[in-house]
PDB file of all heavy atoms in Angstrom:
ATOM      1  N   ARG A   1     -15.894  -8.527   6.392  1.00  0.00           N
ATOM      2  CA  ARG A   1     -14.627  -7.892   6.808  1.00  0.00           C
ATOM      3  C   ARG A   1     -13.688  -8.889   7.538  1.00  0.00           C
ATOM      4  O   ARG A   1     -12.527  -8.973   7.270  1.00  0.00           O
ATOM      5  CB  ARG A   1     -14.948  -6.740   7.741  1.00  0.00           C
ATOM      6  CG  ARG A   1     -13.763  -5.932   8.169  1.00  0.00           C
ATOM      7  CD  ARG A   1     -14.103  -4.777   9.085  1.00  0.00           C
ATOM      8  NE  ARG A   1     -14.746  -3.747   8.303  1.00  0.00           N
ATOM      9  CZ  ARG A   1     -16.097  -3.439   8.420  1.00  0.00           C
ATOM     10  NH1 ARG A   1     -16.822  -4.194   9.214  1.00  0.00           N
ATOM     11  NH2 ARG A   1     -16.591  -2.532   7.686  1.00  0.00           N
ATOM     12  N   ALA A   2     -14.318  -9.766   8.376  1.00  0.00           N
ATOM     13  CA  ALA A   2     -13.543 -10.761   9.044  1.00  0.00           C
ATOM     14  C   ALA A   2     -12.935 -11.746   8.104  1.00  0.00           C
ATOM     15  O   ALA A   2     -11.747 -12.218   8.197  1.00  0.00           O
ATOM     16  CB  ALA A   2     -14.420 -11.439  10.053  1.00  0.00           C
ATOM     17  N   ARG A   3     -13.706 -12.202   7.074  1.00  0.00           N
ATOM     18  CA  ARG A   3     -13.275 -13.139   6.065  1.00  0.00           C
ATOM     19  C   ARG A   3     -12.098 -12.608   5.253  1.00  0.00           C
ATOM     20  O   ARG A   3     -11.092 -13.286   4.997  1.00  0.00           O
ATOM     21  CB  ARG A   3     -14.405 -13.587   5.119  1.00  0.00           C
ATOM     22  CG  ARG A   3     -15.471 -14.485   5.815  1.00  0.00           C
ATOM     23  CD  ARG A   3     -16.656 -14.674   4.898  1.00  0.00           C
ATOM     24  NE  ARG A   3     -16.276 -15.221   3.612  1.00  0.00           N
ATOM     25  CZ  ARG A   3     -17.111 -15.255   2.567  1.00  0.00           C
ATOM     26  NH1 ARG A   3     -18.324 -14.768   2.628  1.00  0.00           N
ATOM     27  NH2 ARG A   3     -16.688 -15.842   1.455  1.00  0.00           N
ATOM     28  N   ARG A   4     -12.196 -11.334   4.939  1.00  0.00           N
ATOM     29  CA  ARG A   4     -11.093 -10.674   4.234  1.00  0.00           C
ATOM     30  C   ARG A   4      -9.841 -10.623   5.039  1.00  0.00           C
ATOM     31  O   ARG A   4      -8.756 -10.884   4.569  1.00  0.00           O
ATOM     32  CB  ARG A   4     -11.463  -9.315   3.713  1.00  0.00           C
ATOM     33  CG  ARG A   4     -12.470  -9.312   2.558  1.00  0.00           C
ATOM     34  CD  ARG A   4     -12.785  -7.903   2.127  1.00  0.00           C
ATOM     35  NE  ARG A   4     -13.790  -7.855   1.042  1.00  0.00           N
ATOM     36  CZ  ARG A   4     -14.225  -6.744   0.483  1.00  0.00           C
ATOM     37  NH1 ARG A   4     -13.718  -5.523   0.801  1.00  0.00           N
ATOM     38  NH2 ARG A   4     -15.163  -6.839  -0.516  1.00  0.00           N
ATOM     39  N   GLU A   5      -9.999 -10.213   6.206  1.00  0.00           N
ATOM     40  CA  GLU A   5      -8.818 -10.104   7.149  1.00  0.00           C
ATOM     41  C   GLU A   5      -8.184 -11.472   7.296  1.00  0.00           C
ATOM     42  O   GLU A   5      -6.909 -11.613   7.348  1.00  0.00           O
ATOM     43  CB  GLU A   5      -9.190  -9.498   8.449  1.00  0.00           C
ATOM     44  CG  GLU A   5      -9.543  -8.074   8.435  1.00  0.00           C
ATOM     45  CD  GLU A   5      -8.473  -7.171   7.963  1.00  0.00           C
ATOM     46  OE1 GLU A   5      -7.254  -7.456   8.275  1.00  0.00           O
ATOM     47  OE2 GLU A   5      -8.728  -6.181   7.213  1.00  0.00           O
ATOM     48  N   ALA A   6      -8.953 -12.475   7.448  1.00  0.00           N
ATOM     49  CA  ALA A   6      -8.403 -13.852   7.568  1.00  0.00           C
ATOM     50  C   ALA A   6      -7.610 -14.229   6.323  1.00  0.00           C
ATOM     51  O   ALA A   6      -6.567 -14.859   6.372  1.00  0.00           O
ATOM     52  CB  ALA A   6      -9.528 -14.928   7.790  1.00  0.00           C
ATOM     53  N   PHE A   7      -8.229 -13.914   5.140  1.00  0.00           N
ATOM     54  CA  PHE A   7      -7.579 -14.164   3.831  1.00  0.00           C
ATOM     55  C   PHE A   7      -6.247 -13.414   3.742  1.00  0.00           C
ATOM     56  O   PHE A   7      -5.246 -14.006   3.344  1.00  0.00           O
ATOM     57  CB  PHE A   7      -8.525 -13.816   2.715  1.00  0.00           C
ATOM     58  CG  PHE A   7      -7.833 -13.851   1.328  1.00  0.00           C
ATOM     59  CD1 PHE A   7      -7.523 -15.058   0.792  1.00  0.00           C
ATOM     60  CD2 PHE A   7      -7.667 -12.671   0.610  1.00  0.00           C
ATOM     61  CE1 PHE A   7      -6.903 -15.099  -0.490  1.00  0.00           C
ATOM     62  CE2 PHE A   7      -7.055 -12.759  -0.585  1.00  0.00           C
ATOM     63  CZ  PHE A   7      -6.683 -13.961  -1.195  1.00  0.00           C
ATOM     64  N   TYR A   8      -6.252 -12.140   4.167  1.00  0.00           N
ATOM     65  CA  TYR A   8      -4.984 -11.368   4.149  1.00  0.00           C
ATOM     66  C   TYR A   8      -3.946 -11.990   4.956  1.00  0.00           C
ATOM     67  O   TYR A   8      -2.763 -12.028   4.632  1.00  0.00           O
ATOM     68  CB  TYR A   8      -5.285  -9.956   4.553  1.00  0.00           C
ATOM     69  CG  TYR A   8      -6.196  -9.147   3.633  1.00  0.00           C
ATOM     70  CD1 TYR A   8      -6.829  -7.975   4.106  1.00  0.00           C
ATOM     71  CD2 TYR A   8      -6.553  -9.626   2.389  1.00  0.00           C
ATOM     72  CE1 TYR A   8      -7.704  -7.285   3.308  1.00  0.00           C
ATOM     73  CE2 TYR A   8      -7.419  -8.894   1.601  1.00  0.00           C
ATOM     74  CZ  TYR A   8      -8.049  -7.714   2.030  1.00  0.00           C
ATOM     75  OH  TYR A   8      -8.857  -6.974   1.319  1.00  0.00           O
ATOM     76  N   GLY A   9      -4.314 -12.595   6.116  1.00  0.00           N
ATOM     77  CA  GLY A   9      -3.393 -13.229   7.036  1.00  0.00           C
ATOM     78  C   GLY A   9      -2.771 -14.462   6.400  1.00  0.00           C
ATOM     79  O   GLY A   9      -1.641 -14.723   6.568  1.00  0.00           O
ATOM     80  N   ARG A  10      -3.636 -15.251   5.648  1.00  0.00           N
ATOM     81  CA  ARG A  10      -3.123 -16.448   5.069  1.00  0.00           C
ATOM     82  C   ARG A  10      -2.162 -16.136   3.918  1.00  0.00           C
ATOM     83  O   ARG A  10      -1.132 -16.783   3.837  1.00  0.00           O
ATOM     84  CB  ARG A  10      -4.305 -17.228   4.503  1.00  0.00           C
ATOM     85  CG  ARG A  10      -5.261 -17.791   5.517  1.00  0.00           C
ATOM     86  CD  ARG A  10      -6.140 -18.992   4.973  1.00  0.00           C
ATOM     87  NE  ARG A  10      -6.860 -18.628   3.785  1.00  0.00           N
ATOM     88  CZ  ARG A  10      -8.150 -17.972   3.895  1.00  0.00           C
ATOM     89  NH1 ARG A  10      -8.675 -17.686   5.048  1.00  0.00           N
ATOM     90  NH2 ARG A  10      -8.753 -17.659   2.776  1.00  0.00           N
ATOM     91  N   ILE A  11      -2.426 -15.211   3.092  1.00  0.00           N
ATOM     92  CA  ILE A  11      -1.519 -14.857   1.956  1.00  0.00           C
ATOM     93  C   ILE A  11      -0.238 -14.180   2.482  1.00  0.00           C
ATOM     94  O   ILE A  11       0.759 -14.230   1.864  1.00  0.00           O
ATOM     95  CB  ILE A  11      -2.222 -14.081   0.866  1.00  0.00           C
ATOM     96  CG1 ILE A  11      -2.604 -12.662   1.281  1.00  0.00           C
ATOM     97  CG2 ILE A  11      -3.441 -14.816   0.266  1.00  0.00           C
ATOM     98  CD1 ILE A  11      -3.134 -11.794   0.136  1.00  0.00           C
ATOM     99  N   ASP A  12      -0.347 -13.521   3.622  1.00  0.00           N
ATOM    100  CA  ASP A  12       0.815 -12.827   4.184  1.00  0.00           C
ATOM    101  C   ASP A  12       1.928 -13.813   4.454  1.00  0.00           C
ATOM    102  O   ASP A  12       3.129 -13.465   4.257  1.00  0.00           O
ATOM    103  CB  ASP A  12       0.432 -12.016   5.415  1.00  0.00           C
ATOM    104  CG  ASP A  12       1.655 -11.285   5.965  1.00  0.00           C
ATOM    105  OD1 ASP A  12       2.078 -10.329   5.309  1.00  0.00           O
ATOM    106  OD2 ASP A  12       2.065 -11.654   7.028  1.00  0.00           O
ATOM    107  N   ALA A  13       1.557 -14.976   4.886  1.00  0.00           N
ATOM    108  CA  ALA A  13       2.544 -16.016   5.215  1.00  0.00           C
ATOM    109  C   ALA A  13       3.303 -16.444   3.954  1.00  0.00           C
ATOM    110  O   ALA A  13       4.437 -16.983   4.100  1.00  0.00           O
ATOM    111  CB  ALA A  13       1.865 -17.181   5.851  1.00  0.00           C
ATOM    112  N   SER A  14       2.738 -16.190   2.751  1.00  0.00           N
ATOM    113  CA  SER A  14       3.436 -16.524   1.498  1.00  0.00           C
ATOM    114  C   SER A  14       3.972 -15.256   0.827  1.00  0.00           C
ATOM    115  O   SER A  14       4.274 -15.322  -0.384  1.00  0.00           O
ATOM    116  CB  SER A  14       2.484 -17.220   0.576  1.00  0.00           C
ATOM    117  OG  SER A  14       2.052 -18.529   1.105  1.00  0.00           O
ATOM    118  N   HIS A  15       4.149 -14.204   1.557  1.00  0.00           N
ATOM    119  CA  HIS A  15       4.743 -12.951   1.209  1.00  0.00           C
ATOM    120  C   HIS A  15       4.020 -12.371   0.020  1.00  0.00           C
ATOM    121  O   HIS A  15       4.547 -11.973  -0.992  1.00  0.00           O
ATOM    122  CB  HIS A  15       6.281 -13.247   0.703  1.00  0.00           C
ATOM    123  CG  HIS A  15       7.021 -13.992   1.652  1.00  0.00           C
ATOM    124  ND1 HIS A  15       7.359 -13.535   2.975  1.00  0.00           N
ATOM    125  CD2 HIS A  15       7.577 -15.253   1.654  1.00  0.00           C
ATOM    126  CE1 HIS A  15       8.055 -14.465   3.592  1.00  0.00           C
ATOM    127  NE2 HIS A  15       8.193 -15.439   2.810  1.00  0.00           N
ATOM    128  N   CYS A  16       2.635 -12.313   0.171  1.00  0.00           N
ATOM    129  CA  CYS A  16       1.754 -11.671  -0.764  1.00  0.00           C
ATOM    130  C   CYS A  16       0.955 -10.569  -0.036  1.00  0.00           C
ATOM    131  O   CYS A  16       0.736 -10.643   1.132  1.00  0.00           O
ATOM    132  CB  CYS A  16       0.810 -12.651  -1.410  1.00  0.00           C
ATOM    133  SG  CYS A  16       1.559 -13.951  -2.343  1.00  0.00           S
ATOM    134  N   THR A  17       0.579  -9.612  -0.872  1.00  0.00           N
ATOM    135  CA  THR A  17      -0.401  -8.586  -0.312  1.00  0.00           C
ATOM    136  C   THR A  17      -1.411  -8.259  -1.376  1.00  0.00           C
ATOM    137  O   THR A  17      -1.136  -8.340  -2.565  1.00  0.00           O
ATOM    138  CB  THR A  17       0.401  -7.336   0.118  1.00  0.00           C
ATOM    139  OG1 THR A  17      -0.394  -6.457   0.908  1.00  0.00           O
ATOM    140  CG2 THR A  17       0.840  -6.529  -1.077  1.00  0.00           C
ATOM    141  N   PRO A  18      -2.639  -7.909  -1.015  1.00  0.00           N
ATOM    142  CA  PRO A  18      -3.710  -7.616  -2.041  1.00  0.00           C
ATOM    143  C   PRO A  18      -3.507  -6.210  -2.603  1.00  0.00           C
ATOM    144  O   PRO A  18      -3.428  -5.226  -1.828  1.00  0.00           O
ATOM    145  CB  PRO A  18      -4.924  -7.694  -1.196  1.00  0.00           C
ATOM    146  CG  PRO A  18      -4.603  -7.372   0.276  1.00  0.00           C
ATOM    147  CD  PRO A  18      -3.148  -7.856   0.394  1.00  0.00           C
ATOM    148  N   LEU A  19      -3.395  -6.092  -3.905  1.00  0.00           N
ATOM    149  CA  LEU A  19      -3.248  -4.882  -4.623  1.00  0.00           C
ATOM    150  C   LEU A  19      -4.267  -3.948  -4.289  1.00  0.00           C
ATOM    151  O   LEU A  19      -4.015  -2.684  -4.098  1.00  0.00           O
ATOM    152  CB  LEU A  19      -3.046  -5.092  -6.114  1.00  0.00           C
ATOM    153  CG  LEU A  19      -2.958  -3.832  -6.957  1.00  0.00           C
ATOM    154  CD1 LEU A  19      -1.707  -3.042  -6.670  1.00  0.00           C
ATOM    155  CD2 LEU A  19      -3.018  -4.153  -8.452  1.00  0.00           C
ATOM    156  N   TRP A  20      -5.551  -4.390  -4.199  1.00  0.00           N
ATOM    157  CA  TRP A  20      -6.626  -3.501  -4.028  1.00  0.00           C
ATOM    158  C   TRP A  20      -6.587  -2.763  -2.690  1.00  0.00           C
ATOM    159  O   TRP A  20      -7.321  -1.675  -2.564  1.00  0.00           O
ATOM    160  CB  TRP A  20      -8.008  -4.230  -4.171  1.00  0.00           C
ATOM    161  CG  TRP A  20      -8.169  -5.410  -3.209  1.00  0.00           C
ATOM    162  CD1 TRP A  20      -8.608  -5.414  -1.918  1.00  0.00           C
ATOM    163  CD2 TRP A  20      -7.842  -6.805  -3.525  1.00  0.00           C
ATOM    164  NE1 TRP A  20      -8.627  -6.700  -1.443  1.00  0.00           N
ATOM    165  CE2 TRP A  20      -8.149  -7.546  -2.385  1.00  0.00           C
ATOM    166  CE3 TRP A  20      -7.339  -7.472  -4.658  1.00  0.00           C
ATOM    167  CZ2 TRP A  20      -7.900  -8.923  -2.329  1.00  0.00           C
ATOM    168  CZ3 TRP A  20      -7.063  -8.851  -4.590  1.00  0.00           C
ATOM    169  CH2 TRP A  20      -7.386  -9.559  -3.405  1.00  0.00           C
ATOM    170  N   GLU A  21      -5.808  -3.192  -1.805  1.00  0.00           N
ATOM    171  CA  GLU A  21      -5.624  -2.458  -0.489  1.00  0.00           C
ATOM    172  C   GLU A  21      -4.559  -1.391  -0.614  1.00  0.00           C
ATOM    173  O   GLU A  21      -4.582  -0.520   0.254  1.00  0.00           O
ATOM    174  CB  GLU A  21      -5.290  -3.480   0.632  1.00  0.00           C
ATOM    175  CG  GLU A  21      -6.509  -4.399   0.951  1.00  0.00           C
ATOM    176  CD  GLU A  21      -7.612  -3.735   1.713  1.00  0.00           C
ATOM    177  OE1 GLU A  21      -7.284  -2.635   2.272  1.00  0.00           O
ATOM    178  OE2 GLU A  21      -8.744  -4.220   1.652  1.00  0.00           O
ATOM    179  N   VAL A  22      -3.699  -1.424  -1.593  1.00  0.00           N
ATOM    180  CA  VAL A  22      -2.608  -0.463  -1.623  1.00  0.00           C
ATOM    181  C   VAL A  22      -2.530   0.301  -2.894  1.00  0.00           C
ATOM    182  O   VAL A  22      -1.700   1.212  -3.069  1.00  0.00           O
ATOM    183  CB  VAL A  22      -1.234  -1.304  -1.441  1.00  0.00           C
ATOM    184  CG1 VAL A  22      -1.171  -1.912  -0.008  1.00  0.00           C
ATOM    185  CG2 VAL A  22      -1.034  -2.209  -2.543  1.00  0.00           C
ATOM    186  N   LEU A  23      -3.416   0.032  -3.906  1.00  0.00           N
ATOM    187  CA  LEU A  23      -3.320   0.633  -5.208  1.00  0.00           C
ATOM    188  C   LEU A  23      -3.287   2.170  -5.240  1.00  0.00           C
ATOM    189  O   LEU A  23      -2.481   2.791  -5.845  1.00  0.00           O
ATOM    190  CB  LEU A  23      -4.476   0.058  -6.086  1.00  0.00           C
ATOM    191  CG  LEU A  23      -4.527   0.687  -7.508  1.00  0.00           C
ATOM    192  CD1 LEU A  23      -3.236   0.268  -8.265  1.00  0.00           C
ATOM    193  CD2 LEU A  23      -5.772   0.076  -8.264  1.00  0.00           C
ATOM    194  N   HIS A  24      -4.226   2.738  -4.434  1.00  0.00           N
ATOM    195  CA  HIS A  24      -4.380   4.182  -4.426  1.00  0.00           C
ATOM    196  C   HIS A  24      -3.122   4.877  -3.890  1.00  0.00           C
ATOM    197  O   HIS A  24      -2.809   6.010  -4.252  1.00  0.00           O
ATOM    198  CB  HIS A  24      -5.622   4.558  -3.700  1.00  0.00           C
ATOM    199  CG  HIS A  24      -6.881   4.123  -4.263  1.00  0.00           C
ATOM    200  ND1 HIS A  24      -7.288   4.403  -5.543  1.00  0.00           N
ATOM    201  CD2 HIS A  24      -7.833   3.212  -3.867  1.00  0.00           C
ATOM    202  CE1 HIS A  24      -8.448   3.849  -5.886  1.00  0.00           C
ATOM    203  NE2 HIS A  24      -8.792   3.120  -4.811  1.00  0.00           N
ATOM    204  N   GLY A  25      -2.426   4.247  -2.981  1.00  0.00           N
ATOM    205  CA  GLY A  25      -1.163   4.778  -2.496  1.00  0.00           C
ATOM    206  C   GLY A  25       0.026   4.443  -3.354  1.00  0.00           C
ATOM    207  O   GLY A  25       1.032   5.211  -3.341  1.00  0.00           O
ATOM    208  N   LEU A  26      -0.117   3.362  -4.163  1.00  0.00           N
ATOM    209  CA  LEU A  26       1.016   2.932  -4.977  1.00  0.00           C
ATOM    210  C   LEU A  26       1.061   3.737  -6.317  1.00  0.00           C
ATOM    211  O   LEU A  26       2.132   4.120  -6.787  1.00  0.00           O
ATOM    212  CB  LEU A  26       0.831   1.479  -5.232  1.00  0.00           C
ATOM    213  CG  LEU A  26       2.011   0.742  -5.886  1.00  0.00           C
ATOM    214  CD1 LEU A  26       3.189   0.720  -5.083  1.00  0.00           C
ATOM    215  CD2 LEU A  26       1.548  -0.691  -6.303  1.00  0.00           C
ATOM    216  N   ILE A  27      -0.097   3.943  -6.900  1.00  0.00           N
ATOM    217  CA  ILE A  27      -0.106   4.629  -8.203  1.00  0.00           C
ATOM    218  C   ILE A  27      -1.013   5.868  -7.975  1.00  0.00           C
ATOM    219  O   ILE A  27      -2.217   5.780  -8.003  1.00  0.00           O
ATOM    220  CB  ILE A  27      -0.657   3.726  -9.312  1.00  0.00           C
ATOM    221  CG1 ILE A  27       0.184   2.490  -9.528  1.00  0.00           C
ATOM    222  CG2 ILE A  27      -0.799   4.513 -10.623  1.00  0.00           C
ATOM    223  CD1 ILE A  27      -0.267   1.563 -10.499  1.00  0.00           C
ATOM    224  N   THR A  28      -0.409   7.023  -7.720  1.00  0.00           N
ATOM    225  CA  THR A  28      -1.131   8.234  -7.367  1.00  0.00           C
ATOM    226  C   THR A  28      -1.426   9.014  -8.598  1.00  0.00           C
ATOM    227  O   THR A  28      -0.743   8.967  -9.620  1.00  0.00           O
ATOM    228  CB  THR A  28      -0.239   9.021  -6.333  1.00  0.00           C
ATOM    229  OG1 THR A  28       1.011   9.290  -6.948  1.00  0.00           O
ATOM    230  CG2 THR A  28      -0.016   8.317  -5.102  1.00  0.00           C
ATOM    231  N   PRO A  29      -2.461   9.925  -8.513  1.00  0.00           N
ATOM    232  CA  PRO A  29      -2.905  10.722  -9.670  1.00  0.00           C
ATOM    233  C   PRO A  29      -1.762  11.709 -10.044  1.00  0.00           C
ATOM    234  O   PRO A  29      -1.594  12.024 -11.243  1.00  0.00           O
ATOM    235  CB  PRO A  29      -4.117  11.474  -9.087  1.00  0.00           C
ATOM    236  CG  PRO A  29      -4.607  10.635  -7.992  1.00  0.00           C
ATOM    237  CD  PRO A  29      -3.458  10.044  -7.379  1.00  0.00           C
ATOM    238  N   THR A  30      -1.028  12.191  -9.093  1.00  0.00           N
ATOM    239  CA  THR A  30       0.156  13.094  -9.402  1.00  0.00           C
ATOM    240  C   THR A  30       1.199  12.635  -8.524  1.00  0.00           C
ATOM    241  O   THR A  30       1.118  12.014  -7.528  1.00  0.00           O
ATOM    242  CB  THR A  30      -0.259  14.609  -9.087  1.00  0.00           C
ATOM    243  OG1 THR A  30      -0.652  14.738  -7.694  1.00  0.00           O
ATOM    244  CG2 THR A  30      -1.359  15.074  -9.977  1.00  0.00           C
ATOM    245  N   PRO A  31       2.460  13.123  -8.787  1.00  0.00           N
ATOM    246  CA  PRO A  31       3.665  12.731  -8.000  1.00  0.00           C
ATOM    247  C   PRO A  31       3.462  13.038  -6.453  1.00  0.00           C
ATOM    248  O   PRO A  31       2.970  14.110  -6.118  1.00  0.00           O
ATOM    249  CB  PRO A  31       4.819  13.623  -8.545  1.00  0.00           C
ATOM    250  CG  PRO A  31       4.383  13.842  -9.985  1.00  0.00           C
ATOM    251  CD  PRO A  31       2.859  13.956  -9.909  1.00  0.00           C
ATOM    252  N   SER A  32       3.787  12.078  -5.710  1.00  0.00           N
ATOM    253  CA  SER A  32       3.731  12.217  -4.264  1.00  0.00           C
ATOM    254  C   SER A  32       5.167  11.987  -3.708  1.00  0.00           C
ATOM    255  O   SER A  32       5.685  10.926  -3.899  1.00  0.00           O
ATOM    256  CB  SER A  32       2.788  11.180  -3.612  1.00  0.00           C
ATOM    257  OG  SER A  32       2.716  11.198  -2.285  1.00  0.00           O
ATOM    258  N   THR A  33       5.726  13.007  -3.032  1.00  0.00           N
ATOM    259  CA  THR A  33       7.141  12.917  -2.590  1.00  0.00           C
ATOM    260  C   THR A  33       7.220  13.440  -1.197  1.00  0.00           C
ATOM    261  O   THR A  33       6.568  14.430  -0.871  1.00  0.00           O
ATOM    262  CB  THR A  33       8.016  13.597  -3.496  1.00  0.00           C
ATOM    263  OG1 THR A  33       9.365  13.532  -2.991  1.00  0.00           O
ATOM    264  CG2 THR A  33       7.687  15.077  -3.698  1.00  0.00           C
ATOM    265  N   PRO A  34       8.018  12.843  -0.372  1.00  0.00           N
ATOM    266  CA  PRO A  34       8.339  13.407   0.968  1.00  0.00           C
ATOM    267  C   PRO A  34       9.365  14.583   0.868  1.00  0.00           C
ATOM    268  O   PRO A  34       9.609  15.241   1.895  1.00  0.00           O
ATOM    269  CB  PRO A  34       8.917  12.216   1.767  1.00  0.00           C
ATOM    270  CG  PRO A  34       9.516  11.405   0.751  1.00  0.00           C
ATOM    271  CD  PRO A  34       8.655  11.561  -0.454  1.00  0.00           C
ATOM    272  N   CYS A  35       9.981  14.738  -0.292  1.00  0.00           N
ATOM    273  CA  CYS A  35      10.928  15.783  -0.445  1.00  0.00           C
ATOM    274  C   CYS A  35      10.409  17.133  -0.148  1.00  0.00           C
ATOM    275  O   CYS A  35       9.275  17.403  -0.583  1.00  0.00           O
ATOM    276  CB  CYS A  35      11.572  15.800  -1.832  1.00  0.00           C
ATOM    277  SG  CYS A  35      12.515  14.211  -2.171  1.00  0.00           S
ATOM    278  N   GLN A  36      11.155  18.049   0.464  1.00  0.00           N
ATOM    279  CA  GLN A  36      10.741  19.405   0.749  1.00  0.00           C
ATOM    280  C   GLN A  36      11.610  20.418   0.129  1.00  0.00           C
ATOM    281  O   GLN A  36      12.831  20.139  -0.095  1.00  0.00           O
ATOM    282  CB  GLN A  36      10.735  19.530   2.293  1.00  0.00           C
ATOM    283  CG  GLN A  36       9.816  18.624   3.049  1.00  0.00           C
ATOM    284  CD  GLN A  36       9.988  18.771   4.553  1.00  0.00           C
ATOM    285  OE1 GLN A  36      10.346  19.890   5.003  1.00  0.00           O
ATOM    286  NE2 GLN A  36       9.651  17.752   5.324  1.00  0.00           N
ATOM    287  N   PRO A  37      11.090  21.579  -0.160  1.00  0.00           N
ATOM    288  CA  PRO A  37      11.946  22.649  -0.565  1.00  0.00           C
ATOM    289  C   PRO A  37      13.016  22.955   0.536  1.00  0.00           C
ATOM    290  O   PRO A  37      12.673  22.875   1.734  1.00  0.00           O
ATOM    291  CB  PRO A  37      11.052  23.857  -0.790  1.00  0.00           C
ATOM    292  CG  PRO A  37       9.693  23.297  -0.906  1.00  0.00           C
ATOM    293  CD  PRO A  37       9.696  22.009  -0.143  1.00  0.00           C
ATOM    294  N   CYS A  38      14.201  23.241   0.230  1.00  0.00           N
ATOM    295  CA  CYS A  38      15.221  23.515   1.217  1.00  0.00           C
ATOM    296  C   CYS A  38      16.309  24.432   0.703  1.00  0.00           C
ATOM    297  O   CYS A  38      16.601  24.414  -0.527  1.00  0.00           O
ATOM    298  CB  CYS A  38      15.833  22.254   1.778  1.00  0.00           C
ATOM    299  SG  CYS A  38      16.740  22.411   3.301  1.00  0.00           S
ATOM    300  N   HIS A  39      16.870  25.199   1.571  1.00  0.00           N
ATOM    301  CA  HIS A  39      17.905  26.211   1.206  1.00  0.00           C
ATOM    302  C   HIS A  39      19.071  26.029   2.122  1.00  0.00           C
ATOM    303  O   HIS A  39      18.930  25.998   3.417  1.00  0.00           O
ATOM    304  CB  HIS A  39      17.248  27.585   1.354  1.00  0.00           C
ATOM    305  CG  HIS A  39      18.211  28.774   1.135  1.00  0.00           C
ATOM    306  ND1 HIS A  39      18.071  29.934   1.780  1.00  0.00           N
ATOM    307  CD2 HIS A  39      19.226  28.885   0.226  1.00  0.00           C
ATOM    308  CE1 HIS A  39      19.001  30.742   1.363  1.00  0.00           C
ATOM    309  NE2 HIS A  39      19.682  30.144   0.389  1.00  0.00           N
ATOM    310  N   TRP A  40      20.271  25.938   1.562  1.00  0.00           N
ATOM    311  CA  TRP A  40      21.498  25.943   2.338  1.00  0.00           C
ATOM    312  C   TRP A  40      22.311  27.178   2.047  1.00  0.00           C
ATOM    313  O   TRP A  40      23.122  27.171   1.160  1.00  0.00           O
ATOM    314  CB  TRP A  40      22.334  24.629   1.975  1.00  0.00           C
ATOM    315  CG  TRP A  40      21.671  23.379   2.405  1.00  0.00           C
ATOM    316  CD1 TRP A  40      21.885  22.666   3.628  1.00  0.00           C
ATOM    317  CD2 TRP A  40      20.782  22.615   1.642  1.00  0.00           C
ATOM    318  NE1 TRP A  40      21.088  21.532   3.622  1.00  0.00           N
ATOM    319  CE2 TRP A  40      20.408  21.390   2.476  1.00  0.00           C
ATOM    320  CE3 TRP A  40      20.199  22.700   0.416  1.00  0.00           C
ATOM    321  CZ2 TRP A  40      19.550  20.416   2.040  1.00  0.00           C
ATOM    322  CZ3 TRP A  40      19.242  21.710   0.024  1.00  0.00           C
ATOM    323  CH2 TRP A  40      18.920  20.587   0.749  1.00  0.00           C
TER     324      TRP A  40
END
């Protein structure tokens, strides 16, 4: 865990991020939206 965190810190300085840490939130099984039903 410590080695990974250190690696993430090193690549962050070059404006990179590991896909495997964000994939599940980036490509979701169904649409994910903050939009809400609303009536005016």
